[in-house]
Amino acid sequence: MADNSVYVAPVFIYDNPTTWAIRGRMRGFYHVCHSASSFQGGRMTFSGAGDYAGKTFMILSPGQNGGAYCIETSNTVETN
């Protein structure tokens, strides 16, 4: 986070490791592209920029070595 930004990426679901066919995307759930230790303390909320402008997110960190989860909390989450 040298530029004071939080980097996230959408979570894609793949079919088979040999073909790597994309089956879909988990709407509202994002990869956190930082180490889990960057988010110690439980929860962090932030607003998106660029492609994610107008969206708000929450990062949940269950523990020091438990990874981190990024959930979109704005009303712009895609639905069926």
PDB file of N, CA and C in Angstrom:
ATOM      1  N   MET A   1       0.822  -1.178   0.000  1.00  0.00           N
ATOM      2  CA  MET A   1       0.000   0.000   0.000  1.00  0.00           C
ATOM      3  C   MET A   1       0.871   1.248   0.000  1.00  0.00           C
ATOM      4  N   ALA A   2       1.923   1.237  -0.773  1.00  0.00           N
ATOM      5  CA  ALA A   2       2.825   2.371  -0.808  1.00  0.00           C
ATOM      6  C   ALA A   2       2.138   3.623  -1.346  1.00  0.00           C
ATOM      7  N   ASP A   3       1.138   3.448  -2.189  1.00  0.00           N
ATOM      8  CA  ASP A   3       0.414   4.606  -2.720  1.00  0.00           C
ATOM      9  C   ASP A   3      -0.893   4.860  -1.962  1.00  0.00           C
ATOM     10  N   ASN A   4      -1.027   4.251  -0.789  1.00  0.00           N
ATOM     11  CA  ASN A   4      -2.194   4.427   0.084  1.00  0.00           C
ATOM     12  C   ASN A   4      -3.486   3.923  -0.560  1.00  0.00           C
ATOM     13  N   SER A   5      -3.370   2.938  -1.416  1.00  0.00           N
ATOM     14  CA  SER A   5      -4.530   2.340  -2.075  1.00  0.00           C
ATOM     15  C   SER A   5      -4.702   0.905  -1.613  1.00  0.00           C
ATOM     16  N   VAL A   6      -5.920   0.413  -1.725  1.00  0.00           N
ATOM     17  CA  VAL A   6      -6.209  -0.994  -1.453  1.00  0.00           C
ATOM     18  C   VAL A   6      -6.549  -1.630  -2.793  1.00  0.00           C
ATOM     19  N   TYR A   7      -5.825  -2.655  -3.158  1.00  0.00           N
ATOM     20  CA  TYR A   7      -6.049  -3.321  -4.431  1.00  0.00           C
ATOM     21  C   TYR A   7      -6.899  -4.575  -4.223  1.00  0.00           C
ATOM     22  N   VAL A   8      -7.954  -4.684  -5.019  1.00  0.00           N
ATOM     23  CA  VAL A   8      -8.839  -5.844  -4.973  1.00  0.00           C
ATOM     24  C   VAL A   8      -9.066  -6.339  -6.397  1.00  0.00           C
ATOM     25  N   ALA A   9      -9.498  -7.582  -6.519  1.00  0.00           N
ATOM     26  CA  ALA A   9      -9.787  -8.178  -7.818  1.00  0.00           C
ATOM     27  C   ALA A   9     -10.990  -9.095  -7.670  1.00  0.00           C
ATOM     28  N   PRO A  10     -11.846  -9.172  -8.693  1.00  0.00           N
ATOM     29  CA  PRO A  10     -13.016 -10.049  -8.612  1.00  0.00           C
ATOM     30  C   PRO A  10     -12.613 -11.518  -8.485  1.00  0.00           C
ATOM     31  N   VAL A  11     -13.463 -12.299  -7.852  1.00  0.00           N
ATOM     32  CA  VAL A  11     -13.222 -13.735  -7.674  1.00  0.00           C
ATOM     33  C   VAL A  11     -13.946 -14.477  -8.798  1.00  0.00           C
ATOM     34  N   PHE A  12     -13.193 -15.180  -9.628  1.00  0.00           N
ATOM     35  CA  PHE A  12     -13.761 -15.967 -10.722  1.00  0.00           C
ATOM     36  C   PHE A  12     -13.805 -17.439 -10.332  1.00  0.00           C
ATOM     37  N   ILE A  13     -14.794 -18.147 -10.845  1.00  0.00           N
ATOM     38  CA  ILE A  13     -14.960 -19.582 -10.613  1.00  0.00           C
ATOM     39  C   ILE A  13     -14.591 -20.300 -11.909  1.00  0.00           C
ATOM     40  N   TYR A  14     -13.677 -21.268 -11.789  1.00  0.00           N
ATOM     41  CA  TYR A  14     -13.215 -22.021 -12.957  1.00  0.00           C
ATOM     42  C   TYR A  14     -13.785 -23.428 -12.941  1.00  0.00           C
ATOM     43  N   ASP A  15     -13.910 -24.009 -14.133  1.00  0.00           N
ATOM     44  CA  ASP A  15     -14.528 -25.319 -14.296  1.00  0.00           C
ATOM     45  C   ASP A  15     -13.572 -26.459 -13.989  1.00  0.00           C
ATOM     46  N   ASN A  16     -12.468 -26.532 -14.675  1.00  0.00           N
ATOM     47  CA  ASN A  16     -11.576 -27.677 -14.594  1.00  0.00           C
ATOM     48  C   ASN A  16     -10.139 -27.168 -14.675  1.00  0.00           C
ATOM     49  N   PRO A  17      -9.275 -27.607 -13.789  1.00  0.00           N
ATOM     50  CA  PRO A  17      -7.891 -27.116 -13.824  1.00  0.00           C
ATOM     51  C   PRO A  17      -7.154 -27.379 -15.134  1.00  0.00           C
ATOM     52  N   THR A  18      -7.598 -28.344 -15.922  1.00  0.00           N
ATOM     53  CA  THR A  18      -6.896 -28.620 -17.171  1.00  0.00           C
ATOM     54  C   THR A  18      -7.361 -27.705 -18.300  1.00  0.00           C
ATOM     55  N   THR A  19      -8.603 -27.249 -18.265  1.00  0.00           N
ATOM     56  CA  THR A  19      -9.117 -26.383 -19.334  1.00  0.00           C
ATOM     57  C   THR A  19      -9.195 -24.923 -18.910  1.00  0.00           C
ATOM     58  N   TRP A  20      -9.273 -24.654 -17.611  1.00  0.00           N
ATOM     59  CA  TRP A  20      -9.390 -23.303 -17.060  1.00  0.00           C
ATOM     60  C   TRP A  20     -10.522 -22.505 -17.707  1.00  0.00           C
ATOM     61  N   ALA A  21     -11.658 -23.154 -17.912  1.00  0.00           N
ATOM     62  CA  ALA A  21     -12.829 -22.469 -18.453  1.00  0.00           C
ATOM     63  C   ALA A  21     -13.508 -21.682 -17.340  1.00  0.00           C
ATOM     64  N   ILE A  22     -13.723 -20.396 -17.559  1.00  0.00           N
ATOM     65  CA  ILE A  22     -14.384 -19.558 -16.551  1.00  0.00           C
ATOM     66  C   ILE A  22     -15.867 -19.894 -16.524  1.00  0.00           C
ATOM     67  N   ARG A  23     -16.365 -20.250 -15.345  1.00  0.00           N
ATOM     68  CA  ARG A  23     -17.773 -20.592 -15.170  1.00  0.00           C
ATOM     69  C   ARG A  23     -18.590 -19.406 -14.672  1.00  0.00           C
ATOM     70  N   GLY A  24     -17.965 -18.488 -13.985  1.00  0.00           N
ATOM     71  CA  GLY A  24     -18.698 -17.346 -13.466  1.00  0.00           C
ATOM     72  C   GLY A  24     -17.848 -16.530 -12.515  1.00  0.00           C
ATOM     73  N   ARG A  25     -18.515 -15.611 -11.839  1.00  0.00           N
ATOM     74  CA  ARG A  25     -17.837 -14.714 -10.910  1.00  0.00           C
ATOM     75  C   ARG A  25     -18.697 -14.598  -9.663  1.00  0.00           C
ATOM     76  N   MET A  26     -18.038 -14.533  -8.518  1.00  0.00           N
ATOM     77  CA  MET A  26     -18.763 -14.376  -7.251  1.00  0.00           C
ATOM     78  C   MET A  26     -19.068 -12.887  -7.074  1.00  0.00           C
ATOM     79  N   ARG A  27     -20.326 -12.514  -7.274  1.00  0.00           N
ATOM     80  CA  ARG A  27     -20.716 -11.114  -7.212  1.00  0.00           C
ATOM     81  C   ARG A  27     -20.591 -10.576  -5.789  1.00  0.00           C
ATOM     82  N   GLY A  28     -19.946  -9.423  -5.671  1.00  0.00           N
ATOM     83  CA  GLY A  28     -19.811  -8.774  -4.379  1.00  0.00           C
ATOM     84  C   GLY A  28     -18.690  -9.307  -3.509  1.00  0.00           C
ATOM     85  N   PHE A  29     -17.900 -10.250  -4.013  1.00  0.00           N
ATOM     86  CA  PHE A  29     -16.812 -10.853  -3.245  1.00  0.00           C
ATOM     87  C   PHE A  29     -15.518 -10.649  -4.021  1.00  0.00           C
ATOM     88  N   TYR A  30     -14.476 -10.152  -3.361  1.00  0.00           N
ATOM     89  CA  TYR A  30     -13.248  -9.785  -4.044  1.00  0.00           C
ATOM     90  C   TYR A  30     -12.021 -10.348  -3.346  1.00  0.00           C
ATOM     91  N   HIS A  31     -10.984 -10.642  -4.162  1.00  0.00           N
ATOM     92  CA  HIS A  31      -9.677 -10.996  -3.622  1.00  0.00           C
ATOM     93  C   HIS A  31      -9.047  -9.736  -3.056  1.00  0.00           C
ATOM     94  N   VAL A  32      -8.370  -9.865  -1.947  1.00  0.00           N
ATOM     95  CA  VAL A  32      -7.573  -8.768  -1.408  1.00  0.00           C
ATOM     96  C   VAL A  32      -6.139  -9.011  -1.857  1.00  0.00           C
ATOM     97  N   CYS A  33      -5.569  -8.070  -2.574  1.00  0.00           N
ATOM     98  CA  CYS A  33      -4.237  -8.258  -3.152  1.00  0.00           C
ATOM     99  C   CYS A  33      -3.136  -7.726  -2.235  1.00  0.00           C
ATOM    100  N   HIS A  34      -3.297  -7.967  -0.945  1.00  0.00           N
ATOM    101  CA  HIS A  34      -2.323  -7.560   0.066  1.00  0.00           C
ATOM    102  C   HIS A  34      -2.224  -8.682   1.089  1.00  0.00           C
ATOM    103  N   SER A  35      -1.186  -8.675   1.869  1.00  0.00           N
ATOM    104  CA  SER A  35      -1.070  -9.687   2.922  1.00  0.00           C
ATOM    105  C   SER A  35      -2.108  -9.409   4.011  1.00  0.00           C
ATOM    106  N   ALA A  36      -2.538 -10.468   4.669  1.00  0.00           N
ATOM    107  CA  ALA A  36      -3.557 -10.338   5.712  1.00  0.00           C
ATOM    108  C   ALA A  36      -3.080  -9.475   6.860  1.00  0.00           C
ATOM    109  N   SER A  37      -1.780  -9.416   7.083  1.00  0.00           N
ATOM    110  CA  SER A  37      -1.264  -8.610   8.194  1.00  0.00           C
ATOM    111  C   SER A  37      -1.476  -7.111   7.959  1.00  0.00           C
ATOM    112  N   SER A  38      -1.795  -6.722   6.729  1.00  0.00           N
ATOM    113  CA  SER A  38      -2.070  -5.314   6.434  1.00  0.00           C
ATOM    114  C   SER A  38      -3.382  -4.851   7.047  1.00  0.00           C
ATOM    115  N   PHE A  39      -4.233  -5.783   7.444  1.00  0.00           N
ATOM    116  CA  PHE A  39      -5.577  -5.449   7.905  1.00  0.00           C
ATOM    117  C   PHE A  39      -5.855  -5.949   9.305  1.00  0.00           C
ATOM    118  N   GLN A  40      -4.868  -6.010  10.143  1.00  0.00           N
ATOM    119  CA  GLN A  40      -5.092  -6.459  11.505  1.00  0.00           C
ATOM    120  C   GLN A  40      -6.035  -5.494  12.204  1.00  0.00           C
ATOM    121  N   GLY A  41      -6.879  -6.022  13.027  1.00  0.00           N
ATOM    122  CA  GLY A  41      -7.803  -5.185  13.755  1.00  0.00           C
ATOM    123  C   GLY A  41      -9.250  -5.460  13.390  1.00  0.00           C
ATOM    124  N   GLY A  42      -9.478  -6.373  12.482  1.00  0.00           N
ATOM    125  CA  GLY A  42     -10.854  -6.784  12.223  1.00  0.00           C
ATOM    126  C   GLY A  42     -11.469  -6.237  10.965  1.00  0.00           C
ATOM    127  N   ARG A  43     -11.978  -4.989  10.985  1.00  0.00           N
ATOM    128  CA  ARG A  43     -12.734  -4.477   9.841  1.00  0.00           C
ATOM    129  C   ARG A  43     -12.140  -3.171   9.332  1.00  0.00           C
ATOM    130  N   MET A  44     -12.283  -3.006   8.049  1.00  0.00           N
ATOM    131  CA  MET A  44     -11.848  -1.760   7.422  1.00  0.00           C
ATOM    132  C   MET A  44     -12.810  -1.473   6.286  1.00  0.00           C
ATOM    133  N   THR A  45     -13.317  -0.273   6.191  1.00  0.00           N
ATOM    134  CA  THR A  45     -14.199   0.102   5.088  1.00  0.00           C
ATOM    135  C   THR A  45     -13.499   1.156   4.237  1.00  0.00           C
ATOM    136  N   PHE A  46     -13.823   1.142   2.940  1.00  0.00           N
ATOM    137  CA  PHE A  46     -13.238   2.127   2.032  1.00  0.00           C
ATOM    138  C   PHE A  46     -14.122   2.270   0.812  1.00  0.00           C
ATOM    139  N   SER A  47     -13.933   3.368   0.101  1.00  0.00           N
ATOM    140  CA  SER A  47     -14.664   3.644  -1.136  1.00  0.00           C
ATOM    141  C   SER A  47     -13.771   3.304  -2.317  1.00  0.00           C
ATOM    142  N   GLY A  48     -14.400   2.833  -3.383  1.00  0.00           N
ATOM    143  CA  GLY A  48     -13.658   2.459  -4.569  1.00  0.00           C
ATOM    144  C   GLY A  48     -13.294   3.650  -5.428  1.00  0.00           C
ATOM    145  N   ALA A  49     -12.347   3.444  -6.326  1.00  0.00           N
ATOM    146  CA  ALA A  49     -11.933   4.455  -7.295  1.00  0.00           C
ATOM    147  C   ALA A  49     -11.701   3.768  -8.627  1.00  0.00           C
ATOM    148  N   GLY A  50     -11.604   4.524  -9.671  1.00  0.00           N
ATOM    149  CA  GLY A  50     -11.374   3.947 -10.995  1.00  0.00           C
ATOM    150  C   GLY A  50     -12.564   3.095 -11.418  1.00  0.00           C
ATOM    151  N   ASP A  51     -12.315   1.829 -11.763  1.00  0.00           N
ATOM    152  CA  ASP A  51     -13.395   0.920 -12.177  1.00  0.00           C
ATOM    153  C   ASP A  51     -14.393   0.663 -11.062  1.00  0.00           C
ATOM    154  N   TYR A  52     -14.001   0.895  -9.831  1.00  0.00           N
ATOM    155  CA  TYR A  52     -14.862   0.629  -8.679  1.00  0.00           C
ATOM    156  C   TYR A  52     -15.433   1.907  -8.064  1.00  0.00           C
ATOM    157  N   ALA A  53     -15.390   3.014  -8.791  1.00  0.00           N
ATOM    158  CA  ALA A  53     -15.927   4.285  -8.294  1.00  0.00           C
ATOM    159  C   ALA A  53     -17.420   4.138  -8.004  1.00  0.00           C
ATOM    160  N   GLY A  54     -17.874   4.691  -6.898  1.00  0.00           N
ATOM    161  CA  GLY A  54     -19.276   4.603  -6.502  1.00  0.00           C
ATOM    162  C   GLY A  54     -19.601   3.377  -5.677  1.00  0.00           C
ATOM    163  N   LYS A  55     -18.634   2.513  -5.461  1.00  0.00           N
ATOM    164  CA  LYS A  55     -18.839   1.300  -4.673  1.00  0.00           C
ATOM    165  C   LYS A  55     -18.160   1.468  -3.309  1.00  0.00           C
ATOM    166  N   THR A  56     -18.707   0.820  -2.303  1.00  0.00           N
ATOM    167  CA  THR A  56     -18.075   0.798  -0.988  1.00  0.00           C
ATOM    168  C   THR A  56     -17.788  -0.652  -0.624  1.00  0.00           C
ATOM    169  N   PHE A  57     -16.720  -0.852   0.129  1.00  0.00           N
ATOM    170  CA  PHE A  57     -16.243  -2.189   0.449  1.00  0.00           C
ATOM    171  C   PHE A  57     -15.924  -2.296   1.932  1.00  0.00           C
ATOM    172  N   MET A  58     -15.952  -3.528   2.410  1.00  0.00           N
ATOM    173  CA  MET A  58     -15.516  -3.823   3.771  1.00  0.00           C
ATOM    174  C   MET A  58     -14.550  -4.988   3.704  1.00  0.00           C
ATOM    175  N   ILE A  59     -13.413  -4.832   4.342  1.00  0.00           N
ATOM    176  CA  ILE A  59     -12.453  -5.918   4.448  1.00  0.00           C
ATOM    177  C   ILE A  59     -12.580  -6.505   5.841  1.00  0.00           C
ATOM    178  N   LEU A  60     -12.798  -7.807   5.893  1.00  0.00           N
ATOM    179  CA  LEU A  60     -12.893  -8.531   7.154  1.00  0.00           C
ATOM    180  C   LEU A  60     -11.649  -9.381   7.300  1.00  0.00           C
ATOM    181  N   SER A  61     -10.979  -9.204   8.400  1.00  0.00           N
ATOM    182  CA  SER A  61      -9.772  -9.981   8.676  1.00  0.00           C
ATOM    183  C   SER A  61     -10.024 -10.804   9.931  1.00  0.00           C
ATOM    184  N   PRO A  62     -10.272 -12.110   9.778  1.00  0.00           N
ATOM    185  CA  PRO A  62     -10.624 -12.926  10.941  1.00  0.00           C
ATOM    186  C   PRO A  62      -9.477 -13.163  11.917  1.00  0.00           C
ATOM    187  N   GLY A  63      -8.271 -12.948  11.500  1.00  0.00           N
ATOM    188  CA  GLY A  63      -7.151 -13.188  12.402  1.00  0.00           C
ATOM    189  C   GLY A  63      -5.836 -12.886  11.731  1.00  0.00           C
ATOM    190  N   GLN A  64      -4.770 -12.983  12.466  1.00  0.00           N
ATOM    191  CA  GLN A  64      -3.462 -12.614  11.940  1.00  0.00           C
ATOM    192  C   GLN A  64      -3.063 -13.456  10.735  1.00  0.00           C
ATOM    193  N   ASN A  65      -3.338 -14.749  10.762  1.00  0.00           N
ATOM    194  CA  ASN A  65      -2.955 -15.633   9.664  1.00  0.00           C
ATOM    195  C   ASN A  65      -4.152 -16.208   8.927  1.00  0.00           C
ATOM    196  N   GLY A  66      -5.339 -15.661   9.160  1.00  0.00           N
ATOM    197  CA  GLY A  66      -6.548 -16.227   8.573  1.00  0.00           C
ATOM    198  C   GLY A  66      -6.927 -15.676   7.224  1.00  0.00           C
ATOM    199  N   GLY A  67      -6.093 -14.817   6.622  1.00  0.00           N
ATOM    200  CA  GLY A  67      -6.453 -14.214   5.353  1.00  0.00           C
ATOM    201  C   GLY A  67      -7.355 -13.020   5.572  1.00  0.00           C
ATOM    202  N   ALA A  68      -7.860 -12.481   4.487  1.00  0.00           N
ATOM    203  CA  ALA A  68      -8.765 -11.342   4.565  1.00  0.00           C
ATOM    204  C   ALA A  68      -9.802 -11.491   3.466  1.00  0.00           C
ATOM    205  N   TYR A  69     -11.012 -11.031   3.731  1.00  0.00           N
ATOM    206  CA  TYR A  69     -12.115 -11.118   2.778  1.00  0.00           C
ATOM    207  C   TYR A  69     -12.588  -9.719   2.449  1.00  0.00           C
ATOM    208  N   CYS A  70     -12.910  -9.464   1.207  1.00  0.00           N
ATOM    209  CA  CYS A  70     -13.413  -8.159   0.795  1.00  0.00           C
ATOM    210  C   CYS A  70     -14.820  -8.341   0.244  1.00  0.00           C
ATOM    211  N   ILE A  71     -15.763  -7.649   0.861  1.00  0.00           N
ATOM    212  CA  ILE A  71     -17.173  -7.744   0.499  1.00  0.00           C
ATOM    213  C   ILE A  71     -17.647  -6.363   0.057  1.00  0.00           C
ATOM    214  N   GLU A  72     -18.364  -6.296  -1.043  1.00  0.00           N
ATOM    215  CA  GLU A  72     -18.955  -5.026  -1.466  1.00  0.00           C
ATOM    216  C   GLU A  72     -20.176  -4.750  -0.608  1.00  0.00           C
ATOM    217  N   THR A  73     -20.244  -3.557  -0.039  1.00  0.00           N
ATOM    218  CA  THR A  73     -21.351  -3.210   0.857  1.00  0.00           C
ATOM    219  C   THR A  73     -22.287  -2.171   0.267  1.00  0.00           C
ATOM    220  N   SER A  74     -21.989  -1.663  -0.911  1.00  0.00           N
ATOM    221  CA  SER A  74     -22.848  -0.656  -1.535  1.00  0.00           C
ATOM    222  C   SER A  74     -24.064  -1.316  -2.181  1.00  0.00           C
ATOM    223  N   ASN A  75     -25.034  -0.493  -2.555  1.00  0.00           N
ATOM    224  CA  ASN A  75     -26.235  -1.025  -3.202  1.00  0.00           C
ATOM    225  C   ASN A  75     -26.036  -1.239  -4.693  1.00  0.00           C
ATOM    226  N   THR A  76     -24.794  -1.270  -5.145  1.00  0.00           N
ATOM    227  CA  THR A  76     -24.488  -1.517  -6.551  1.00  0.00           C
ATOM    228  C   THR A  76     -24.098  -2.958  -6.829  1.00  0.00           C
ATOM    229  N   VAL A  77     -24.222  -3.824  -5.826  1.00  0.00           N
ATOM    230  CA  VAL A  77     -23.887  -5.239  -6.023  1.00  0.00           C
ATOM    231  C   VAL A  77     -24.820  -5.818  -7.084  1.00  0.00           C
ATOM    232  N   GLU A  78     -24.245  -6.531  -8.033  1.00  0.00           N
ATOM    233  CA  GLU A  78     -25.052  -7.135  -9.100  1.00  0.00           C
ATOM    234  C   GLU A  78     -25.984  -8.204  -8.532  1.00  0.00           C
ATOM    235  N   THR A  79     -27.182  -8.284  -9.070  1.00  0.00           N
ATOM    236  CA  THR A  79     -28.144  -9.309  -8.668  1.00  0.00           C
ATOM    237  C   THR A  79     -28.637 -10.040  -9.902  1.00  0.00           C
ATOM    238  N   ASN A  80     -29.391 -11.087  -9.694  1.00  0.00           N
ATOM    239  CA  ASN A  80     -29.960 -11.825 -10.835  1.00  0.00           C
ATOM    240  C   ASN A  80     -31.052 -11.043 -11.480  1.00  0.00           C
TER     241      ASN A  80
END
